[in-house]
C-alpha atoms as a PDB file:
ATOM      1  CA  MET A   1       0.000   0.000   0.000  1.00  0.00           C
ATOM      2  CA  GLY A   2       1.206   3.480  -0.804  1.00  0.00           C
ATOM      3  CA  PHE A   3       0.543   7.183  -1.142  1.00  0.00           C
ATOM      4  CA  THR A   4      -2.933   7.819  -2.567  1.00  0.00           C
ATOM      5  CA  GLY A   5      -4.638  10.699  -4.366  1.00  0.00           C
ATOM      6  CA  LEU A   6      -8.340  11.181  -5.053  1.00  0.00           C
ATOM      7  CA  ALA A   7     -10.152  12.839  -7.959  1.00  0.00           C
ATOM      8  CA  ARG A   8     -13.825  13.649  -8.436  1.00  0.00           C
ATOM      9  CA  TRP A   9     -15.381  13.615 -11.925  1.00  0.00           C
ATOM     10  CA  VAL A  10     -18.672  15.335 -11.229  1.00  0.00           C
ATOM     11  CA  ASN A  11     -20.089  15.472 -14.766  1.00  0.00           C
ATOM     12  CA  SER A  12     -19.313  11.910 -15.854  1.00  0.00           C
ATOM     13  CA  PRO A  13     -21.772  10.405 -18.370  1.00  0.00           C
ATOM     14  CA  THR A  14     -23.812   7.292 -17.667  1.00  0.00           C
ATOM     15  CA  ASP A  15     -21.169   5.152 -19.409  1.00  0.00           C
ATOM     16  CA  GLY A  16     -18.285   6.950 -17.701  1.00  0.00           C
ATOM     17  CA  LEU A  17     -17.062   3.839 -15.895  1.00  0.00           C
ATOM     18  CA  SER A  18     -16.821   1.887 -19.159  1.00  0.00           C
ATOM     19  CA  ILE A  19     -14.975   4.785 -20.805  1.00  0.00           C
ATOM     20  CA  ILE A  20     -12.472   5.008 -17.932  1.00  0.00           C
ATOM     21  CA  SER A  21     -11.967   1.227 -17.893  1.00  0.00           C
ATOM     22  CA  ASP A  22     -11.309   1.067 -21.647  1.00  0.00           C
ATOM     23  CA  ASN A  23      -8.905   4.003 -21.432  1.00  0.00           C
ATOM     24  CA  ILE A  24      -6.893   2.416 -18.601  1.00  0.00           C
ATOM     25  CA  ILE A  25      -6.672  -0.971 -20.333  1.00  0.00           C
ATOM     26  CA  LYS A  26      -6.018   0.202 -23.905  1.00  0.00           C
ATOM     27  CA  ASN A  27      -3.886   3.310 -23.376  1.00  0.00           C
ATOM     28  CA  HIS A  28      -2.116   2.550 -20.080  1.00  0.00           C
ATOM     29  CA  ASN A  29      -1.769  -1.262 -20.252  1.00  0.00           C
ATOM     30  CA  GLY A  30      -3.896  -1.579 -17.143  1.00  0.00           C
ATOM     31  CA  VAL A  31      -4.958  -4.973 -15.823  1.00  0.00           C
ATOM     32  CA  PHE A  32      -8.270  -5.558 -14.053  1.00  0.00           C
ATOM     33  CA  LYS A  33      -7.730  -6.701 -10.441  1.00  0.00           C
ATOM     34  CA  GLU A  34     -11.098  -6.774  -8.676  1.00  0.00           C
ATOM     35  CA  LYS A  35     -14.291  -4.851  -8.003  1.00  0.00           C
ATOM     36  CA  TRP A  36     -14.241  -1.668  -5.921  1.00  0.00           C
ATOM     37  CA  GLN A  37     -17.164  -1.318  -3.524  1.00  0.00           C
ATOM     38  CA  LEU A  38     -17.790   1.200  -0.746  1.00  0.00           C
ATOM     39  CA  SER A  39     -20.916   2.147   1.169  1.00  0.00           C
ATOM     40  CA  VAL A  40     -21.571   5.332   3.119  1.00  0.00           C
ATOM     41  CA  LYS A  41     -24.182   6.059   5.780  1.00  0.00           C
ATOM     42  CA  SER A  42     -24.823   9.437   7.355  1.00  0.00           C
ATOM     43  CA  TYR A  43     -26.477  10.402  10.634  1.00  0.00           C
ATOM     44  CA  ARG A  44     -27.295  13.572  12.527  1.00  0.00           C
ATOM     45  CA  SER A  45     -27.902  14.410  16.158  1.00  0.00           C
ATOM     46  CA  LEU A  46     -29.579  17.529  17.597  1.00  0.00           C
ATOM     47  CA  LEU A  47     -28.320  18.740  20.983  1.00  0.00           C
ATOM     48  CA  SER A  48     -29.140  21.738  23.163  1.00  0.00           C
ATOM     49  CA  THR A  49     -26.288  23.397  25.039  1.00  0.00           C
ATOM     50  CA  PRO A  50     -26.683  24.551  28.676  1.00  0.00           C
ATOM     51  CA  GLN A  51     -25.888  28.131  27.600  1.00  0.00           C
ATOM     52  CA  SER A  52     -28.510  28.250  24.865  1.00  0.00           C
ATOM     53  CA  ALA A  53     -31.808  26.662  23.966  1.00  0.00           C
ATOM     54  CA  VAL A  54     -30.775  26.649  20.312  1.00  0.00           C
ATOM     55  CA  GLN A  55     -30.283  23.134  19.022  1.00  0.00           C
ATOM     56  CA  ILE A  56     -26.926  22.373  17.435  1.00  0.00           C
ATOM     57  CA  GLU A  57     -26.692  19.690  14.789  1.00  0.00           C
ATOM     58  CA  ARG A  58     -23.790  17.280  14.805  1.00  0.00           C
ATOM     59  CA  SER A  59     -23.090  15.038  11.843  1.00  0.00           C
ATOM     60  CA  MET A  60     -21.647  11.548  11.550  1.00  0.00           C
ATOM     61  CA  CYS A  61     -20.596   9.713   8.395  1.00  0.00           C
ATOM     62  CA  ALA A  62     -19.656   6.037   8.305  1.00  0.00           C
ATOM     63  CA  LEU A  63     -17.805   4.591   5.310  1.00  0.00           C
ATOM     64  CA  THR A  64     -17.518   0.811   4.992  1.00  0.00           C
ATOM     65  CA  MET A  65     -14.416  -0.429   3.176  1.00  0.00           C
ATOM     66  CA  ARG A  66     -13.887  -4.185   3.166  1.00  0.00           C
ATOM     67  CA  GLU A  67     -13.925  -5.334   6.828  1.00  0.00           C
ATOM     68  CA  ASN A  68     -13.600  -1.909   8.438  1.00  0.00           C
ATOM     69  CA  VAL A  69     -15.970   0.989   9.079  1.00  0.00           C
ATOM     70  CA  PHE A  70     -14.421   4.474   9.225  1.00  0.00           C
ATOM     71  CA  VAL A  71     -16.541   6.964  11.176  1.00  0.00           C
ATOM     72  CA  LEU A  72     -16.139  10.747  11.041  1.00  0.00           C
ATOM     73  CA  VAL A  73     -18.017  12.713  13.737  1.00  0.00           C
ATOM     74  CA  GLU A  74     -18.163  16.508  13.443  1.00  0.00           C
ATOM     75  CA  ASP A  75     -19.166  18.848  16.264  1.00  0.00           C
ATOM     76  CA  PRO A  76     -19.303  22.443  14.932  1.00  0.00           C
ATOM     77  CA  LEU A  77     -19.117  23.933  18.457  1.00  0.00           C
ATOM     78  CA  ALA A  78     -15.843  22.205  19.349  1.00  0.00           C
ATOM     79  CA  PRO A  79     -12.491  23.781  18.378  1.00  0.00           C
ATOM     80  CA  THR A  80      -9.952  22.183  16.084  1.00  0.00           C
ATOM     81  CA  ARG A  81      -6.569  21.323  17.525  1.00  0.00           C
ATOM     82  CA  ALA A  82      -4.913  23.567  14.943  1.00  0.00           C
ATOM     83  CA  ASP A  83      -7.040  26.521  16.074  1.00  0.00           C
ATOM     84  CA  LEU A  84      -5.992  26.056  19.701  1.00  0.00           C
ATOM     85  CA  LEU A  85      -2.305  25.823  18.800  1.00  0.00           C
ATOM     86  CA  ALA A  86      -2.520  28.883  16.553  1.00  0.00           C
ATOM     87  CA  GLY A  87      -4.427  30.846  19.192  1.00  0.00           C
ATOM     88  CA  GLY A  88      -1.791  30.266  21.840  1.00  0.00           C
ATOM     89  CA  ALA A  89      -4.037  28.371  24.236  1.00  0.00           C
ATOM     90  CA  PRO A  90      -2.264  27.260  27.441  1.00  0.00           C
ATOM     91  CA  SER A  91      -0.890  23.736  27.266  1.00  0.00           C
ATOM     92  CA  SER A  92      -2.894  22.797  30.358  1.00  0.00           C
ATOM     93  CA  TYR A  93      -6.179  23.489  28.564  1.00  0.00           C
ATOM     94  CA  GLN A  94      -7.678  20.410  26.958  1.00  0.00           C
ATOM     95  CA  PRO A  95     -11.202  20.389  25.493  1.00  0.00           C
ATOM     96  CA  GLY A  96     -13.379  17.337  25.951  1.00  0.00           C
ATOM     97  CA  HIS A  97     -12.987  16.630  22.254  1.00  0.00           C
ATOM     98  CA  TYR A  98     -12.034  18.379  19.058  1.00  0.00           C
ATOM     99  CA  ARG A  99     -14.286  19.306  16.154  1.00  0.00           C
ATOM    100  CA  ASN A 100     -13.536  16.151  14.178  1.00  0.00           C
ATOM    101  CA  THR A 101     -13.315  12.679  15.684  1.00  0.00           C
ATOM    102  CA  PHE A 102     -12.289   9.828  13.374  1.00  0.00           C
ATOM    103  CA  LEU A 103     -12.853   6.235  14.466  1.00  0.00           C
ATOM    104  CA  THR A 104     -12.162   2.801  12.997  1.00  0.00           C
ATOM    105  CA  LEU A 105     -14.578  -0.011  13.804  1.00  0.00           C
ATOM    106  CA  SER A 106     -14.723  -3.654  12.788  1.00  0.00           C
ATOM    107  CA  PRO A 107     -16.582  -5.699  11.610  1.00  0.00           C
ATOM    108  CA  PRO A 108     -19.183  -3.969   9.387  1.00  0.00           C
ATOM    109  CA  GLY A 109     -22.349  -3.421  11.413  1.00  0.00           C
ATOM    110  CA  ALA A 110     -20.383  -2.641  14.583  1.00  0.00           C
ATOM    111  CA  LEU A 111     -21.454   1.011  14.493  1.00  0.00           C
ATOM    112  CA  GLU A 112     -25.168   0.188  14.549  1.00  0.00           C
ATOM    113  CA  GLN A 113     -24.602  -2.229  17.433  1.00  0.00           C
ATOM    114  CA  LEU A 114     -22.667   0.433  19.360  1.00  0.00           C
ATOM    115  CA  LEU A 115     -25.337   3.094  18.828  1.00  0.00           C
ATOM    116  CA  GLU A 116     -28.057   0.706  19.931  1.00  0.00           C
ATOM    117  CA  HIS A 117     -26.085  -0.356  23.006  1.00  0.00           C
ATOM    118  CA  LEU A 118     -25.427   3.263  24.026  1.00  0.00           C
ATOM    119  CA  LYS A 119     -28.966   4.325  23.114  1.00  0.00           C
ATOM    120  CA  ALA A 120     -27.364   7.203  21.250  1.00  0.00           C
ATOM    121  CA  ARG A 121     -29.696   9.713  19.649  1.00  0.00           C
ATOM    122  CA  TRP A 122     -28.310   9.597  16.143  1.00  0.00           C
ATOM    123  CA  VAL A 123     -30.910   9.729  13.379  1.00  0.00           C
ATOM    124  CA  PRO A 124     -30.153   8.296   9.915  1.00  0.00           C
ATOM    125  CA  VAL A 125     -30.260  10.915   7.182  1.00  0.00           C
ATOM    126  CA  ARG A 126     -32.755  10.047   4.476  1.00  0.00           C
ATOM    127  CA  GLN A 127     -32.360  11.279   0.944  1.00  0.00           C
ATOM    128  CA  ALA A 128     -35.275  12.928  -0.775  1.00  0.00           C
ATOM    129  CA  ALA A 129     -36.422  10.948  -3.787  1.00  0.00           C
ATOM    130  CA  PRO A 130     -36.393  12.743  -7.153  1.00  0.00           C
ATOM    131  CA  SER A 131     -39.696  14.101  -8.439  1.00  0.00           C
ATOM    132  CA  ASN A 132     -39.988  11.371 -11.061  1.00  0.00           C
ATOM    133  CA  ALA A 133     -39.329   8.502  -8.622  1.00  0.00           C
ATOM    134  CA  PRO A 134     -42.162   6.059  -7.780  1.00  0.00           C
ATOM    135  CA  ARG A 135     -43.997   7.179  -4.643  1.00  0.00           C
ATOM    136  CA  ASN A 136     -44.157   3.695  -3.174  1.00  0.00           C
ATOM    137  CA  ARG A 137     -40.397   3.209  -3.396  1.00  0.00           C
ATOM    138  CA  PRO A 138     -38.887   3.017   0.107  1.00  0.00           C
ATOM    139  CA  GLN A 139     -36.094   5.416   1.004  1.00  0.00           C
ATOM    140  CA  GLY A 140     -32.824   4.196   2.447  1.00  0.00           C
ATOM    141  CA  SER A 141     -32.418   4.235   6.205  1.00  0.00           C
ATOM    142  CA  GLY A 142     -29.088   5.989   6.432  1.00  0.00           C
ATOM    143  CA  GLN A 143     -27.693   4.026   3.480  1.00  0.00           C
ATOM    144  CA  GLN A 144     -27.148   7.260   1.634  1.00  0.00           C
ATOM    145  CA  LEU A 145     -24.877   6.159  -1.170  1.00  0.00           C
ATOM    146  CA  SER A 146     -22.442   3.588  -2.474  1.00  0.00           C
ATOM    147  CA  VAL A 147     -19.415   3.572  -4.763  1.00  0.00           C
ATOM    148  CA  GLU A 148     -19.301   0.725  -7.266  1.00  0.00           C
ATOM    149  CA  GLY A 149     -16.542   0.213  -9.794  1.00  0.00           C
ATOM    150  CA  PHE A 150     -13.268  -1.534 -10.561  1.00  0.00           C
ATOM    151  CA  ILE A 151      -9.616  -1.643  -9.472  1.00  0.00           C
ATOM    152  CA  PHE A 152      -6.839  -1.779 -12.080  1.00  0.00           C
ATOM    153  CA  ALA A 153      -3.078  -2.271 -11.844  1.00  0.00           C
ATOM    154  CA  ILE A 154      -0.824  -0.193 -14.093  1.00  0.00           C
ATOM    155  CA  GLY A 155       2.566  -1.878 -14.089  1.00  0.00           C
ATOM    156  CA  THR A 156       3.866  -2.782 -10.643  1.00  0.00           C
ATOM    157  CA  ASP A 157       3.809   0.750  -9.212  1.00  0.00           C
ATOM    158  CA  TRP A 158       0.189   1.883  -9.547  1.00  0.00           C
ATOM    159  CA  LEU A 159      -3.300   0.880  -8.515  1.00  0.00           C
ATOM    160  CA  VAL A 160      -6.187   2.878  -9.978  1.00  0.00           C
ATOM    161  CA  ARG A 161      -9.713   2.675  -8.588  1.00  0.00           C
ATOM    162  CA  ALA A 162     -12.695   4.066 -10.482  1.00  0.00           C
ATOM    163  CA  GLY A 163     -16.333   3.903  -9.424  1.00  0.00           C
ATOM    164  CA  ASN A 164     -19.737   5.504  -9.848  1.00  0.00           C
ATOM    165  CA  VAL A 165     -21.237   7.374  -6.887  1.00  0.00           C
ATOM    166  CA  ILE A 166     -24.721   5.851  -6.608  1.00  0.00           C
ATOM    167  CA  LEU A 167     -27.414   7.426  -4.426  1.00  0.00           C
ATOM    168  CA  SER A 168     -29.955   5.374  -2.482  1.00  0.00           C
ATOM    169  CA  THR A 169     -32.616   6.644  -4.897  1.00  0.00           C
ATOM    170  CA  GLY A 170     -30.809   4.902  -7.764  1.00  0.00           C
ATOM    171  CA  GLY A 171     -29.391   8.010  -9.423  1.00  0.00           C
ATOM    172  CA  THR A 172     -25.682   8.618  -9.956  1.00  0.00           C
ATOM    173  CA  LYS A 173     -23.601  11.609  -8.837  1.00  0.00           C
ATOM    174  CA  GLY A 174     -20.502  11.419 -10.989  1.00  0.00           C
ATOM    175  CA  MET A 175     -17.455   9.273 -10.320  1.00  0.00           C
ATOM    176  CA  LEU A 176     -14.589   8.872  -7.870  1.00  0.00           C
ATOM    177  CA  LEU A 177     -11.089   8.021  -9.086  1.00  0.00           C
ATOM    178  CA  GLU A 178      -8.232   7.029  -6.810  1.00  0.00           C
ATOM    179  CA  ALA A 179      -4.581   6.543  -7.738  1.00  0.00           C
ATOM    180  CA  GLU A 180      -2.262   4.713  -5.334  1.00  0.00           C
ATOM    181  CA  TYR A 181       1.523   4.870  -5.779  1.00  0.00           C
ATOM    182  CA  LEU A 182       2.717   1.626  -4.225  1.00  0.00           C
ATOM    183  CA  PRO A 183       6.496   2.231  -3.809  1.00  0.00           C
ATOM    184  CA  LEU A 184       6.141   5.075  -1.268  1.00  0.00           C
ATOM    185  CA  PRO A 185       4.145   5.213   1.994  1.00  0.00           C
ATOM    186  CA  THR A 186       4.273   9.026   1.977  1.00  0.00           C
ATOM    187  CA  ILE A 187       5.294  11.879  -0.310  1.00  0.00           C
ATOM    188  CA  GLN A 188       6.554  15.197   1.032  1.00  0.00           C
ATOM    189  CA  SER A 189       4.731  17.798  -1.042  1.00  0.00           C
ATOM    190  CA  PRO A 190       6.055  21.364  -1.383  1.00  0.00           C
ATOM    191  CA  VAL A 191       2.439  22.533  -1.727  1.00  0.00           C
ATOM    192  CA  ALA A 192       0.659  23.484   1.500  1.00  0.00           C
ATOM    193  CA  ASP A 193      -2.474  21.471   0.720  1.00  0.00           C
ATOM    194  CA  GLY A 194      -0.480  18.251   0.270  1.00  0.00           C
ATOM    195  CA  THR A 195      -1.086  17.897  -3.483  1.00  0.00           C
ATOM    196  CA  SER A 196       1.322  15.460  -5.138  1.00  0.00           C
ATOM    197  CA  GLU A 197       2.303  16.310  -8.704  1.00  0.00           C
ATOM    198  CA  LEU A 198       3.177  12.657  -9.345  1.00  0.00           C
ATOM    199  CA  VAL A 199      -0.272  11.354  -8.395  1.00  0.00           C
ATOM    200  CA  SER A 200      -2.093  14.297  -9.981  1.00  0.00           C
ATOM    201  CA  ASN A 201      -0.302  13.644 -13.277  1.00  0.00           C
ATOM    202  CA  LEU A 202      -1.381   9.996 -13.240  1.00  0.00           C
ATOM    203  CA  LEU A 203      -5.015  10.920 -12.576  1.00  0.00           C
ATOM    204  CA  THR A 204      -4.847  13.521 -15.345  1.00  0.00           C
ATOM    205  CA  ALA A 205      -3.357  10.956 -17.726  1.00  0.00           C
ATOM    206  CA  VAL A 206      -6.168   8.505 -17.004  1.00  0.00           C
ATOM    207  CA  LEU A 207      -8.673  11.192 -18.039  1.00  0.00           C
ATOM    208  CA  SER A 208      -6.614  12.864 -20.776  1.00  0.00           C
ATOM    209  CA  ASN A 209      -8.159  10.969 -23.706  1.00  0.00           C
ATOM    210  CA  ILE A 210     -11.768  11.368 -22.567  1.00  0.00           C
ATOM    211  CA  ARG A 211     -13.823  14.056 -24.259  1.00  0.00           C
ATOM    212  CA  GLY A 212     -15.755  16.309 -21.903  1.00  0.00           C
ATOM    213  CA  ALA A 213     -13.873  15.281 -18.741  1.00  0.00           C
ATOM    214  CA  THR A 214     -13.500  18.883 -17.629  1.00  0.00           C
ATOM    215  CA  SER A 215     -15.235  19.002 -14.254  1.00  0.00           C
ATOM    216  CA  VAL A 216     -12.522  17.034 -12.474  1.00  0.00           C
ATOM    217  CA  ALA A 217     -11.136  18.088  -9.089  1.00  0.00           C
ATOM    218  CA  VAL A 218      -8.163  16.524  -7.282  1.00  0.00           C
ATOM    219  CA  ILE A 219      -8.924  16.230  -3.555  1.00  0.00           C
ATOM    220  CA  THR A 220      -6.099  16.313  -1.022  1.00  0.00           C
ATOM    221  CA  SER A 221      -5.444  16.802   2.673  1.00  0.00           C
ATOM    222  CA  SER A 222      -2.256  18.151   4.176  1.00  0.00           C
ATOM    223  CA  ASP A 223      -0.199  16.319   6.799  1.00  0.00           C
ATOM    224  CA  ALA A 224      -1.226  19.004   9.311  1.00  0.00           C
ATOM    225  CA  GLN A 225      -4.909  18.239   8.732  1.00  0.00           C
ATOM    226  CA  TRP A 226      -4.277  14.530   9.074  1.00  0.00           C
ATOM    227  CA  GLU A 227      -2.307  14.974  12.311  1.00  0.00           C
ATOM    228  CA  ASP A 228      -5.314  16.853  13.679  1.00  0.00           C
ATOM    229  CA  VAL A 229      -7.543  13.898  12.801  1.00  0.00           C
ATOM    230  CA  LEU A 230      -5.114  11.357  14.260  1.00  0.00           C
ATOM    231  CA  TRP A 231      -4.683  13.205  17.570  1.00  0.00           C
ATOM    232  CA  ASP A 232      -4.867  10.904  20.564  1.00  0.00           C
ATOM    233  CA  ARG A 233      -4.833  12.403  24.075  1.00  0.00           C
ATOM    234  CA  GLU A 234      -3.339   9.353  25.803  1.00  0.00           C
ATOM    235  CA  GLU A 235      -0.616   8.941  23.200  1.00  0.00           C
ATOM    236  CA  GLU A 236       0.332  12.621  23.400  1.00  0.00           C
ATOM    237  CA  GLU A 237       0.645  12.418  27.193  1.00  0.00           C
ATOM    238  CA  LYS A 238       2.866   9.326  26.904  1.00  0.00           C
ATOM    239  CA  GLU A 239       5.158  11.131  24.449  1.00  0.00           C
ATOM    240  CA  LYS A 240       5.514  14.074  26.851  1.00  0.00           C
ATOM    241  CA  GLU A 241       6.477  11.741  29.696  1.00  0.00           C
ATOM    242  CA  GLN A 242       9.155   9.930  27.677  1.00  0.00           C
ATOM    243  CA  PRO A 243      12.644  11.484  27.947  1.00  0.00           C
ATOM    244  CA  ASP A 244      14.348  12.579  24.761  1.00  0.00           C
ATOM    245  CA  ASP A 245      16.768  10.030  23.321  1.00  0.00           C
ATOM    246  CA  PRO A 246      20.341  11.132  24.007  1.00  0.00           C
ATOM    247  CA  ASP A 247      22.560  11.779  21.002  1.00  0.00           C
ATOM    248  CA  PRO A 248      24.877   8.862  20.215  1.00  0.00           C
ATOM    249  CA  SER A 249      28.454   9.263  21.296  1.00  0.00           C
ATOM    250  CA  PRO A 250      30.708  10.484  18.461  1.00  0.00           C
ATOM    251  CA  ASP A 251      33.267   7.893  19.565  1.00  0.00           C
ATOM    252  CA  ASP A 252      30.810   5.026  19.138  1.00  0.00           C
ATOM    253  CA  ILE A 253      32.251   2.669  16.518  1.00  0.00           C
ATOM    254  CA  TYR A 254      28.721   1.862  15.351  1.00  0.00           C
ATOM    255  CA  VAL A 255      27.876   5.475  14.509  1.00  0.00           C
ATOM    256  CA  TYR A 256      28.228   6.089  10.778  1.00  0.00           C
ATOM    257  CA  GLY A 257      26.428   9.418  10.411  1.00  0.00           C
ATOM    258  CA  ASP A 258      23.740   8.075   8.086  1.00  0.00           C
ATOM    259  CA  GLU A 259      21.021   7.386  10.631  1.00  0.00           C
ATOM    260  CA  ASP A 260      18.578   9.800   8.966  1.00  0.00           C
ATOM    261  CA  ILE A 261      18.967   8.497   5.423  1.00  0.00           C
ATOM    262  CA  LEU A 262      16.158   5.979   5.837  1.00  0.00           C
ATOM    263  CA  ALA A 263      12.983   7.640   7.034  1.00  0.00           C
ATOM    264  CA  LYS A 264      11.421   6.030  10.051  1.00  0.00           C
ATOM    265  CA  PRO A 265       7.833   4.798   9.677  1.00  0.00           C
ATOM    266  CA  ARG A 266       5.410   7.345  11.056  1.00  0.00           C
ATOM    267  CA  ARG A 267       1.938   6.942  12.433  1.00  0.00           C
ATOM    268  CA  GLY A 268      -0.496   7.909   9.716  1.00  0.00           C
ATOM    269  CA  ASP A 269       1.641   6.960   6.713  1.00  0.00           C
ATOM    270  CA  TRP A 270      -0.232   5.465   3.768  1.00  0.00           C
ATOM    271  CA  VAL A 271       0.376   1.902   4.965  1.00  0.00           C
ATOM    272  CA  GLY A 272      -2.016  -0.872   6.018  1.00  0.00           C
ATOM    273  CA  VAL A 273      -5.262   0.223   7.609  1.00  0.00           C
ATOM    274  CA  ASP A 274      -3.965   3.818   7.831  1.00  0.00           C
ATOM    275  CA  ARG A 275      -4.003   3.980   4.019  1.00  0.00           C
ATOM    276  CA  ASP A 276      -7.654   2.958   4.057  1.00  0.00           C
ATOM    277  CA  ARG A 277      -8.358   5.484   6.831  1.00  0.00           C
ATOM    278  CA  ARG A 278      -6.829   8.359   4.889  1.00  0.00           C
ATOM    279  CA  SER A 279      -8.649   7.271   1.741  1.00  0.00           C
ATOM    280  CA  ALA A 280     -11.969   7.129   3.614  1.00  0.00           C
ATOM    281  CA  TYR A 281     -11.318  10.565   5.136  1.00  0.00           C
ATOM    282  CA  LEU A 282     -10.703  12.076   1.691  1.00  0.00           C
ATOM    283  CA  ILE A 283     -13.803  10.456   0.194  1.00  0.00           C
ATOM    284  CA  ILE A 284     -16.076  11.567   3.043  1.00  0.00           C
ATOM    285  CA  GLY A 285     -14.656  15.092   2.873  1.00  0.00           C
ATOM    286  CA  ALA A 286     -15.174  15.308  -0.893  1.00  0.00           C
ATOM    287  CA  LEU A 287     -18.789  14.146  -0.733  1.00  0.00           C
ATOM    288  CA  LYS A 288     -19.589  16.393   2.248  1.00  0.00           C
ATOM    289  CA  SER A 289     -18.160  19.435   0.481  1.00  0.00           C
ATOM    290  CA  GLU A 290     -20.649  18.870  -2.344  1.00  0.00           C
ATOM    291  CA  GLY A 291     -23.575  18.488   0.043  1.00  0.00           C
ATOM    292  CA  ILE A 292     -24.148  14.867  -0.968  1.00  0.00           C
ATOM    293  CA  LEU A 293     -23.703  13.702   2.641  1.00  0.00           C
END
């Protein structure tokens, strides 16, 4: 697993998936690997604060990817960790939680069991059916949308995922495309938003021979944003308690001066389940920004 970039083709035609698949296979020597399937549920919860009778809505999105469910909870009244650090808040001040909380649950269905056990007041968001939809057609209970498509390998370095965004009403909302560069678990981008030119060029190449593929946006998140999502209070306190490692003695015969050549693995790199977590975070963020979730 490696560094991954996401693109959104919002105006894809009904046969967009077939067009993308043919382009990858014929023009990039891509090889079909397997199907790509994701499902997303969204919930909301209305709470009243002690200071005000006004109800505040919190949102929760749960994305199921293989055997894991990635849950993003957003509380608009809570601060972000970046805001507190930028505002010079005292180190002793710790809020109960930050604006975004990102959880990983397993197996699929664990979230519903947890909500039922806690008797949590989270209500599934139901999509409004289009005006031409049959009136007796049931609406999804929180099953707001799914992503259905294919995964291709391009050489030994790339995996490309392409899928239609399908609403619970049966309509489609464009496509998602994901490019994964397998050799590297992370790429240090000179751009503040974390955009990788390498991955962006691959996504552009996949769409370069397709007429009308103009409404395409590359979605990224910076390392600073991801660190905010990954924040763990207990882990941070443990790191503060650990003494700094002393510098190795210059007379040590085992010191060669090349200790920093190989980067140490970091928490949150695009490896293992963390790759899936970052991918899920990007997908949820992209769909929320469009008002689909």
